Amino acid sequence: MAITFNDNLQINAPKPADAKYMNFTGGIAQPWASVAAANAGINAAYRYQYLTIFVLMNGDPIEFWYRTGTADGNLEPKTKESYTLNANGSITLTANYAYNRIVVLPINNLSNLTIGTTNGGTDIEPGSPVTVGVPYSLDYPFYYLSNTPIFFGGIASGTKILLYKTF
């Protein structure tokens, strides 16, 4: 049964209102070290659909959530999707979202990175030099439906592409 409050809560501690949001081992608030650590540290009985938590992913602190259920496998990144560039130079979006940033993690130097909605297209990025190992970030508000390809020119297959989502 829910408890009714007549005002907002004020937490007088350097912690979020929901202790599941981060790992508090040793009294220090920090992101969960991994998805596996978060799933192991949050009792399944206390999870709920859309519960948001903070997890380190490849060294980046990222919000995750139990988007479609409360099982371990339902925990997914809330703010970005990671894709690997296909052999034809494209990625295919897997969900309907508005995306506000593209980040390319190049595995080689690129003299002319292009990004478009068609093969060889340049409608998203007309061309920029990119250095190996240096993330290239492009803020570009766009919305595409599931199964929409985005094509990257001048880039090696196997390159990681991150898309930051907005809701």
N, C-alpha and C. Protein backbone atom coordinates (compact mmCIF):
# COMPACT_ATOMS: atom_id res chain seq x y z
N MET A 1 0.84 -1.17 0.00
CA MET A 1 0.00 0.00 0.00
C MET A 1 0.89 1.24 0.00
N ALA A 2 0.54 2.21 -0.81
CA ALA A 2 1.32 3.45 -0.91
C ALA A 2 1.04 4.36 0.27
N ILE A 3 2.03 5.16 0.63
CA ILE A 3 1.89 6.15 1.68
C ILE A 3 1.77 7.51 1.03
N THR A 4 0.81 8.30 1.43
CA THR A 4 0.61 9.62 0.86
C THR A 4 1.43 10.65 1.64
N PHE A 5 2.16 11.49 0.89
CA PHE A 5 2.91 12.58 1.48
C PHE A 5 2.31 13.89 0.99
N ASN A 6 2.33 14.91 1.82
CA ASN A 6 1.81 16.20 1.43
C ASN A 6 2.88 17.13 0.87
N ASP A 7 4.10 16.65 0.76
CA ASP A 7 5.18 17.48 0.25
C ASP A 7 6.24 16.57 -0.37
N ASN A 8 7.24 17.16 -1.03
CA ASN A 8 8.33 16.40 -1.61
C ASN A 8 9.22 15.86 -0.50
N LEU A 9 10.04 14.87 -0.87
CA LEU A 9 11.01 14.33 0.07
C LEU A 9 12.30 15.12 -0.03
N GLN A 10 12.97 15.32 1.08
CA GLN A 10 14.31 15.88 1.07
C GLN A 10 15.22 14.87 1.73
N ILE A 11 16.15 14.34 0.97
CA ILE A 11 17.08 13.34 1.48
C ILE A 11 18.31 14.10 2.00
N ASN A 12 18.55 14.02 3.28
CA ASN A 12 19.69 14.73 3.89
C ASN A 12 20.92 13.85 3.95
N ALA A 13 21.22 13.22 2.84
CA ALA A 13 22.42 12.38 2.70
C ALA A 13 22.85 12.48 1.23
N PRO A 14 24.12 12.29 0.96
CA PRO A 14 24.57 12.35 -0.44
C PRO A 14 24.25 11.06 -1.19
N LYS A 15 22.97 10.74 -1.26
CA LYS A 15 22.49 9.51 -1.88
C LYS A 15 21.21 9.79 -2.64
N PRO A 16 20.93 9.00 -3.67
CA PRO A 16 19.63 9.12 -4.32
C PRO A 16 18.53 8.56 -3.42
N ALA A 17 17.30 8.91 -3.70
CA ALA A 17 16.18 8.43 -2.89
C ALA A 17 16.05 6.92 -2.93
N ASP A 18 16.35 6.31 -4.07
CA ASP A 18 16.29 4.86 -4.21
C ASP A 18 17.70 4.30 -4.11
N ALA A 19 17.97 3.54 -3.08
CA ALA A 19 19.31 3.00 -2.83
C ALA A 19 19.76 2.04 -3.92
N LYS A 20 18.84 1.55 -4.74
CA LYS A 20 19.23 0.64 -5.82
C LYS A 20 19.90 1.37 -6.97
N TYR A 21 19.75 2.69 -7.03
CA TYR A 21 20.28 3.47 -8.15
C TYR A 21 21.79 3.30 -8.32
N MET A 22 22.53 3.24 -7.18
CA MET A 22 23.97 3.05 -7.24
C MET A 22 24.39 2.04 -6.18
N ASN A 23 25.63 1.62 -6.25
CA ASN A 23 26.20 0.68 -5.30
C ASN A 23 26.77 1.47 -4.11
N PHE A 24 26.36 1.11 -2.91
CA PHE A 24 26.81 1.82 -1.72
C PHE A 24 27.72 0.95 -0.84
N THR A 25 28.48 0.06 -1.44
CA THR A 25 29.39 -0.79 -0.69
C THR A 25 30.43 0.06 0.03
N GLY A 26 30.60 -0.17 1.29
CA GLY A 26 31.57 0.59 2.08
C GLY A 26 31.13 2.01 2.36
N GLY A 27 29.86 2.32 2.17
CA GLY A 27 29.34 3.65 2.45
C GLY A 27 29.66 4.70 1.40
N ILE A 28 30.23 4.27 0.29
CA ILE A 28 30.58 5.19 -0.79
C ILE A 28 29.63 4.97 -1.96
N ALA A 29 28.99 6.03 -2.42
CA ALA A 29 28.10 5.92 -3.57
C ALA A 29 28.91 5.89 -4.85
N GLN A 30 28.71 4.85 -5.64
CA GLN A 30 29.40 4.74 -6.92
C GLN A 30 28.54 3.92 -7.87
N PRO A 31 28.73 4.11 -9.18
CA PRO A 31 27.96 3.30 -10.12
C PRO A 31 28.24 1.82 -9.92
N TRP A 32 27.27 1.00 -10.27
CA TRP A 32 27.51 -0.45 -10.26
C TRP A 32 28.67 -0.72 -11.21
N ALA A 33 29.56 -1.64 -10.85
CA ALA A 33 30.77 -1.91 -11.64
C ALA A 33 30.47 -2.55 -12.99
N SER A 34 29.35 -3.25 -13.09
CA SER A 34 28.97 -3.91 -14.33
C SER A 34 27.49 -4.27 -14.26
N VAL A 35 26.97 -4.70 -15.38
CA VAL A 35 25.58 -5.16 -15.41
C VAL A 35 25.43 -6.39 -14.52
N ALA A 36 26.40 -7.29 -14.57
CA ALA A 36 26.35 -8.49 -13.73
C ALA A 36 26.36 -8.13 -12.25
N ALA A 37 27.18 -7.14 -11.87
CA ALA A 37 27.22 -6.71 -10.47
C ALA A 37 25.90 -6.09 -10.04
N ALA A 38 25.29 -5.32 -10.92
CA ALA A 38 24.00 -4.71 -10.59
C ALA A 38 22.93 -5.76 -10.42
N ASN A 39 22.87 -6.71 -11.34
CA ASN A 39 21.87 -7.77 -11.24
C ASN A 39 22.08 -8.62 -9.99
N ALA A 40 23.35 -8.85 -9.63
CA ALA A 40 23.63 -9.63 -8.43
C ALA A 40 23.33 -8.83 -7.16
N GLY A 41 23.53 -7.52 -7.21
CA GLY A 41 23.37 -6.69 -6.02
C GLY A 41 21.96 -6.20 -5.75
N ILE A 42 21.10 -6.27 -6.77
CA ILE A 42 19.71 -5.81 -6.60
C ILE A 42 18.82 -7.04 -6.58
N ASN A 43 18.26 -7.32 -5.44
CA ASN A 43 17.38 -8.47 -5.28
C ASN A 43 16.23 -8.36 -6.26
N ALA A 44 15.97 -9.44 -7.00
CA ALA A 44 14.91 -9.44 -8.02
C ALA A 44 13.55 -9.10 -7.42
N ALA A 45 13.34 -9.40 -6.15
CA ALA A 45 12.06 -9.10 -5.51
C ALA A 45 11.83 -7.60 -5.35
N TYR A 46 12.91 -6.79 -5.41
CA TYR A 46 12.78 -5.35 -5.22
C TYR A 46 12.87 -4.57 -6.53
N ARG A 47 12.97 -5.27 -7.64
CA ARG A 47 13.02 -4.61 -8.94
C ARG A 47 11.60 -4.33 -9.43
N TYR A 48 11.49 -3.34 -10.29
CA TYR A 48 10.22 -3.08 -10.95
C TYR A 48 10.52 -2.61 -12.36
N GLN A 49 9.57 -2.81 -13.27
CA GLN A 49 9.77 -2.38 -14.64
C GLN A 49 10.00 -0.88 -14.66
N TYR A 50 10.98 -0.43 -15.42
CA TYR A 50 11.43 0.96 -15.58
C TYR A 50 12.33 1.43 -14.44
N LEU A 51 12.71 0.56 -13.51
CA LEU A 51 13.69 0.92 -12.48
C LEU A 51 14.97 1.36 -13.19
N THR A 52 15.46 2.54 -12.85
CA THR A 52 16.68 3.10 -13.45
C THR A 52 17.82 3.00 -12.45
N ILE A 53 18.98 2.54 -12.94
CA ILE A 53 20.17 2.43 -12.11
C ILE A 53 21.37 2.97 -12.89
N PHE A 54 22.48 3.15 -12.21
CA PHE A 54 23.70 3.74 -12.76
C PHE A 54 24.76 2.65 -12.84
N VAL A 55 25.29 2.35 -14.04
CA VAL A 55 26.25 1.26 -14.24
C VAL A 55 27.42 1.77 -15.07
N LEU A 56 28.62 1.29 -14.77
CA LEU A 56 29.77 1.57 -15.62
C LEU A 56 29.74 0.64 -16.82
N MET A 57 29.87 1.23 -18.01
CA MET A 57 29.90 0.43 -19.24
C MET A 57 31.08 0.92 -20.06
N ASN A 58 32.09 0.07 -20.22
CA ASN A 58 33.32 0.45 -20.92
C ASN A 58 33.93 1.71 -20.32
N GLY A 59 33.85 1.85 -18.99
CA GLY A 59 34.42 2.99 -18.30
C GLY A 59 33.53 4.21 -18.23
N ASP A 60 32.42 4.21 -18.97
CA ASP A 60 31.49 5.33 -18.96
C ASP A 60 30.35 5.07 -17.98
N PRO A 61 30.01 6.04 -17.13
CA PRO A 61 28.84 5.87 -16.27
C PRO A 61 27.57 6.10 -17.10
N ILE A 62 26.73 5.08 -17.18
CA ILE A 62 25.56 5.08 -18.04
C ILE A 62 24.33 4.70 -17.22
N GLU A 63 23.21 5.37 -17.48
CA GLU A 63 21.96 4.94 -16.86
C GLU A 63 21.43 3.71 -17.59
N PHE A 64 21.06 2.72 -16.82
CA PHE A 64 20.43 1.51 -17.33
C PHE A 64 19.04 1.43 -16.73
N TRP A 65 18.18 0.64 -17.34
CA TRP A 65 16.85 0.43 -16.77
C TRP A 65 16.34 -0.96 -17.13
N TYR A 66 15.42 -1.44 -16.31
CA TYR A 66 14.72 -2.68 -16.59
C TYR A 66 13.52 -2.29 -17.46
N ARG A 67 13.78 -2.16 -18.77
CA ARG A 67 12.79 -1.56 -19.67
C ARG A 67 11.59 -2.45 -19.91
N THR A 68 11.80 -3.73 -20.17
CA THR A 68 10.69 -4.60 -20.56
C THR A 68 10.31 -5.63 -19.51
N GLY A 69 10.93 -5.58 -18.36
CA GLY A 69 10.64 -6.53 -17.29
C GLY A 69 11.68 -6.42 -16.20
N THR A 70 11.68 -7.37 -15.28
CA THR A 70 12.59 -7.28 -14.14
C THR A 70 13.63 -8.40 -14.09
N ALA A 71 13.68 -9.25 -15.09
CA ALA A 71 14.68 -10.31 -15.14
C ALA A 71 16.05 -9.71 -15.45
N ASP A 72 17.11 -10.45 -15.16
CA ASP A 72 18.47 -9.98 -15.41
C ASP A 72 18.64 -9.52 -16.86
N GLY A 73 18.10 -10.26 -17.80
CA GLY A 73 18.25 -9.95 -19.22
C GLY A 73 17.51 -8.71 -19.67
N ASN A 74 16.62 -8.17 -18.83
CA ASN A 74 15.87 -6.97 -19.21
C ASN A 74 16.61 -5.68 -18.91
N LEU A 75 17.76 -5.75 -18.24
CA LEU A 75 18.53 -4.55 -17.91
C LEU A 75 19.30 -4.11 -19.16
N GLU A 76 19.05 -2.89 -19.63
CA GLU A 76 19.69 -2.39 -20.85
C GLU A 76 20.03 -0.92 -20.71
N PRO A 77 20.97 -0.43 -21.53
CA PRO A 77 21.32 0.99 -21.45
C PRO A 77 20.11 1.87 -21.77
N LYS A 78 19.98 2.94 -21.02
CA LYS A 78 18.86 3.85 -21.22
C LYS A 78 19.21 4.95 -22.21
N THR A 79 20.45 5.34 -22.27
CA THR A 79 20.79 6.54 -23.01
C THR A 79 21.54 6.32 -24.30
N LYS A 80 22.09 5.17 -24.55
CA LYS A 80 22.79 4.99 -25.81
C LYS A 80 22.71 3.55 -26.27
N GLU A 81 22.80 3.39 -27.57
CA GLU A 81 22.86 2.07 -28.18
C GLU A 81 24.21 1.95 -28.86
N SER A 82 24.78 0.76 -28.81
CA SER A 82 26.07 0.52 -29.44
C SER A 82 25.86 -0.38 -30.64
N TYR A 83 26.46 0.00 -31.75
CA TYR A 83 26.37 -0.78 -32.98
C TYR A 83 27.78 -1.01 -33.50
N THR A 84 27.97 -2.08 -34.25
CA THR A 84 29.22 -2.31 -34.96
C THR A 84 28.92 -2.13 -36.43
N LEU A 85 29.76 -1.38 -37.11
CA LEU A 85 29.55 -1.09 -38.52
C LEU A 85 29.54 -2.37 -39.35
N ASN A 86 28.51 -2.55 -40.17
CA ASN A 86 28.39 -3.70 -41.05
C ASN A 86 29.39 -3.62 -42.19
N ALA A 87 29.57 -4.72 -42.92
CA ALA A 87 30.51 -4.75 -44.05
C ALA A 87 30.12 -3.76 -45.14
N ASN A 88 28.83 -3.45 -45.27
CA ASN A 88 28.40 -2.51 -46.31
C ASN A 88 28.48 -1.05 -45.85
N GLY A 89 29.08 -0.82 -44.66
CA GLY A 89 29.26 0.54 -44.18
C GLY A 89 28.04 1.13 -43.50
N SER A 90 27.15 0.29 -43.00
CA SER A 90 25.94 0.81 -42.39
C SER A 90 25.69 0.18 -41.03
N ILE A 91 24.81 0.81 -40.28
CA ILE A 91 24.22 0.21 -39.09
C ILE A 91 22.71 0.23 -39.34
N THR A 92 22.00 -0.66 -38.69
CA THR A 92 20.55 -0.69 -38.82
C THR A 92 19.95 -0.47 -37.45
N LEU A 93 19.17 0.58 -37.31
CA LEU A 93 18.56 0.91 -36.02
C LEU A 93 17.58 -0.18 -35.62
N THR A 94 17.55 -0.46 -34.32
CA THR A 94 16.72 -1.56 -33.84
C THR A 94 15.49 -1.10 -33.08
N ALA A 95 15.33 0.20 -32.88
CA ALA A 95 14.17 0.68 -32.12
C ALA A 95 13.78 2.08 -32.59
N ASN A 96 12.54 2.45 -32.30
CA ASN A 96 12.05 3.78 -32.64
C ASN A 96 12.42 4.75 -31.53
N TYR A 97 13.38 5.61 -31.77
CA TYR A 97 13.80 6.60 -30.79
C TYR A 97 14.18 7.88 -31.50
N ALA A 98 14.20 8.94 -30.76
CA ALA A 98 14.83 10.16 -31.24
C ALA A 98 16.28 10.09 -30.76
N TYR A 99 17.21 10.30 -31.65
CA TYR A 99 18.62 10.26 -31.31
C TYR A 99 19.18 11.67 -31.36
N ASN A 100 20.01 12.04 -30.38
CA ASN A 100 20.54 13.40 -30.38
C ASN A 100 22.05 13.48 -30.53
N ARG A 101 22.73 12.35 -30.62
CA ARG A 101 24.19 12.40 -30.81
C ARG A 101 24.66 11.08 -31.43
N ILE A 102 25.57 11.20 -32.37
CA ILE A 102 26.26 10.05 -32.94
C ILE A 102 27.70 10.14 -32.50
N VAL A 103 28.27 9.05 -31.97
CA VAL A 103 29.68 9.00 -31.61
C VAL A 103 30.31 7.85 -32.36
N VAL A 104 31.38 8.14 -33.10
CA VAL A 104 32.11 7.13 -33.85
C VAL A 104 33.42 6.86 -33.12
N LEU A 105 33.70 5.60 -32.84
CA LEU A 105 34.96 5.20 -32.19
C LEU A 105 35.82 4.53 -33.25
N PRO A 106 36.63 5.32 -34.00
CA PRO A 106 37.32 4.80 -35.19
C PRO A 106 38.49 3.89 -34.86
N ILE A 107 38.67 2.89 -35.72
CA ILE A 107 39.81 1.99 -35.58
C ILE A 107 40.92 2.33 -36.57
N ASN A 108 40.70 3.35 -37.40
CA ASN A 108 41.75 3.85 -38.30
C ASN A 108 41.51 5.33 -38.58
N ASN A 109 42.53 6.00 -39.12
CA ASN A 109 42.39 7.41 -39.48
C ASN A 109 41.46 7.54 -40.68
N LEU A 110 40.60 8.54 -40.63
CA LEU A 110 39.66 8.78 -41.72
C LEU A 110 39.88 10.18 -42.25
N SER A 111 40.10 10.29 -43.55
CA SER A 111 40.29 11.62 -44.12
C SER A 111 38.96 12.30 -44.41
N ASN A 112 37.91 11.51 -44.59
CA ASN A 112 36.63 12.10 -44.94
C ASN A 112 35.48 11.20 -44.50
N LEU A 113 35.09 11.31 -43.23
CA LEU A 113 33.95 10.57 -42.71
C LEU A 113 32.66 11.21 -43.20
N THR A 114 31.81 10.43 -43.82
CA THR A 114 30.49 10.91 -44.22
C THR A 114 29.43 10.03 -43.58
N ILE A 115 28.28 10.63 -43.26
CA ILE A 115 27.17 9.89 -42.67
C ILE A 115 25.90 10.32 -43.39
N GLY A 116 25.11 9.34 -43.81
CA GLY A 116 23.88 9.67 -44.52
C GLY A 116 22.82 8.60 -44.36
N THR A 117 21.64 8.92 -44.81
CA THR A 117 20.51 7.98 -44.71
C THR A 117 20.40 7.09 -45.94
N THR A 118 21.27 7.31 -46.93
CA THR A 118 21.34 6.44 -48.10
C THR A 118 22.79 6.06 -48.33
N ASN A 119 23.03 4.98 -49.05
CA ASN A 119 24.39 4.55 -49.34
C ASN A 119 25.11 5.64 -50.12
N GLY A 120 26.19 6.17 -49.58
CA GLY A 120 26.92 7.28 -50.18
C GLY A 120 26.35 8.64 -49.83
N GLY A 121 25.29 8.68 -49.02
CA GLY A 121 24.65 9.94 -48.66
C GLY A 121 25.48 10.75 -47.68
N THR A 122 25.26 12.05 -47.67
CA THR A 122 25.98 12.96 -46.79
C THR A 122 25.03 13.91 -46.07
N ASP A 123 23.76 13.53 -45.93
CA ASP A 123 22.77 14.44 -45.36
C ASP A 123 22.92 14.62 -43.84
N ILE A 124 23.60 13.71 -43.15
CA ILE A 124 23.82 13.87 -41.71
C ILE A 124 25.19 14.50 -41.45
N GLU A 125 26.23 14.01 -42.11
CA GLU A 125 27.59 14.55 -41.99
C GLU A 125 28.21 14.60 -43.38
N PRO A 126 28.47 15.81 -43.91
CA PRO A 126 28.98 15.92 -45.27
C PRO A 126 30.45 15.55 -45.43
N GLY A 127 31.20 15.46 -44.34
CA GLY A 127 32.60 15.05 -44.44
C GLY A 127 33.47 15.73 -43.41
N SER A 128 34.19 14.93 -42.60
CA SER A 128 35.10 15.46 -41.58
C SER A 128 36.26 14.50 -41.39
N PRO A 129 37.47 15.02 -41.10
CA PRO A 129 38.59 14.13 -40.77
C PRO A 129 38.42 13.59 -39.35
N VAL A 130 38.82 12.33 -39.15
CA VAL A 130 38.70 11.67 -37.85
C VAL A 130 40.00 10.93 -37.57
N THR A 131 40.51 11.05 -36.35
CA THR A 131 41.78 10.43 -35.95
C THR A 131 41.51 9.09 -35.27
N VAL A 132 42.36 8.11 -35.55
CA VAL A 132 42.21 6.79 -34.95
C VAL A 132 42.22 6.90 -33.43
N GLY A 133 41.31 6.19 -32.77
CA GLY A 133 41.23 6.15 -31.32
C GLY A 133 40.61 7.36 -30.66
N VAL A 134 40.32 8.41 -31.43
CA VAL A 134 39.72 9.62 -30.88
C VAL A 134 38.23 9.62 -31.23
N PRO A 135 37.35 9.57 -30.24
CA PRO A 135 35.92 9.54 -30.55
C PRO A 135 35.49 10.80 -31.31
N TYR A 136 34.77 10.57 -32.39
CA TYR A 136 34.20 11.67 -33.16
C TYR A 136 32.74 11.79 -32.75
N SER A 137 32.33 12.96 -32.29
CA SER A 137 30.98 13.16 -31.78
C SER A 137 30.26 14.18 -32.64
N LEU A 138 29.04 13.88 -33.01
CA LEU A 138 28.21 14.76 -33.82
C LEU A 138 26.86 14.90 -33.14
N ASP A 139 26.53 16.11 -32.69
CA ASP A 139 25.20 16.37 -32.13
C ASP A 139 24.26 16.65 -33.28
N TYR A 140 23.28 15.78 -33.44
CA TYR A 140 22.38 15.90 -34.57
C TYR A 140 21.03 15.30 -34.17
N PRO A 141 20.04 16.12 -33.92
CA PRO A 141 18.74 15.56 -33.53
C PRO A 141 18.05 14.91 -34.73
N PHE A 142 17.82 13.62 -34.62
CA PHE A 142 17.12 12.94 -35.69
C PHE A 142 16.27 11.82 -35.11
N TYR A 143 15.28 11.41 -35.88
CA TYR A 143 14.37 10.36 -35.45
C TYR A 143 14.21 9.38 -36.60
N TYR A 144 14.47 8.13 -36.33
CA TYR A 144 14.29 7.11 -37.35
C TYR A 144 13.56 5.91 -36.76
N LEU A 145 12.90 5.20 -37.61
CA LEU A 145 12.13 4.04 -37.20
C LEU A 145 13.02 2.81 -37.18
N SER A 146 12.51 1.74 -36.56
CA SER A 146 13.22 0.47 -36.55
C SER A 146 13.56 0.04 -37.97
N ASN A 147 14.67 -0.66 -38.07
CA ASN A 147 15.15 -1.22 -39.34
C ASN A 147 15.56 -0.15 -40.35
N THR A 148 15.80 1.07 -39.89
CA THR A 148 16.31 2.13 -40.77
C THR A 148 17.83 2.05 -40.78
N PRO A 149 18.45 1.96 -41.97
CA PRO A 149 19.91 1.96 -42.01
C PRO A 149 20.47 3.38 -42.01
N ILE A 150 21.65 3.55 -41.42
CA ILE A 150 22.42 4.78 -41.51
C ILE A 150 23.78 4.36 -42.08
N PHE A 151 24.22 5.05 -43.14
CA PHE A 151 25.44 4.67 -43.84
C PHE A 151 26.59 5.60 -43.46
N PHE A 152 27.76 4.99 -43.27
CA PHE A 152 28.98 5.70 -42.90
C PHE A 152 29.99 5.49 -44.02
N GLY A 153 30.48 6.56 -44.60
CA GLY A 153 31.48 6.47 -45.67
C GLY A 153 32.87 6.78 -45.15
N GLY A 154 33.88 6.12 -45.75
CA GLY A 154 35.26 6.39 -45.40
C GLY A 154 35.66 5.80 -44.06
N ILE A 155 34.99 4.73 -43.63
CA ILE A 155 35.25 4.17 -42.30
C ILE A 155 35.31 2.65 -42.42
N ALA A 156 36.14 2.02 -41.58
CA ALA A 156 36.34 0.57 -41.65
C ALA A 156 35.20 -0.19 -40.99
N SER A 157 34.83 -1.33 -41.57
CA SER A 157 33.85 -2.18 -40.91
C SER A 157 34.44 -2.65 -39.59
N GLY A 158 33.60 -2.89 -38.61
CA GLY A 158 34.05 -3.25 -37.28
C GLY A 158 34.16 -2.07 -36.35
N THR A 159 34.06 -0.84 -36.86
CA THR A 159 34.12 0.36 -36.04
C THR A 159 32.88 0.43 -35.17
N LYS A 160 33.04 0.84 -33.91
CA LYS A 160 31.91 0.98 -32.99
C LYS A 160 31.22 2.32 -33.22
N ILE A 161 29.91 2.29 -33.23
CA ILE A 161 29.07 3.47 -33.37
C ILE A 161 28.15 3.53 -32.16
N LEU A 162 28.11 4.66 -31.47
CA LEU A 162 27.20 4.85 -30.35
C LEU A 162 26.15 5.88 -30.74
N LEU A 163 24.92 5.59 -30.42
CA LEU A 163 23.83 6.54 -30.66
C LEU A 163 23.21 6.88 -29.31
N TYR A 164 23.16 8.14 -28.98
CA TYR A 164 22.57 8.61 -27.73
C TYR A 164 21.10 8.90 -27.96
N LYS A 165 20.24 8.29 -27.14
CA LYS A 165 18.80 8.40 -27.32
C LYS A 165 18.21 9.46 -26.43
N THR A 166 17.15 10.07 -26.90
CA THR A 166 16.29 10.90 -26.07
C THR A 166 14.91 10.28 -26.09
N PHE A 167 14.11 10.63 -25.11
CA PHE A 167 12.79 10.01 -25.00
C PHE A 167 11.72 11.07 -25.02
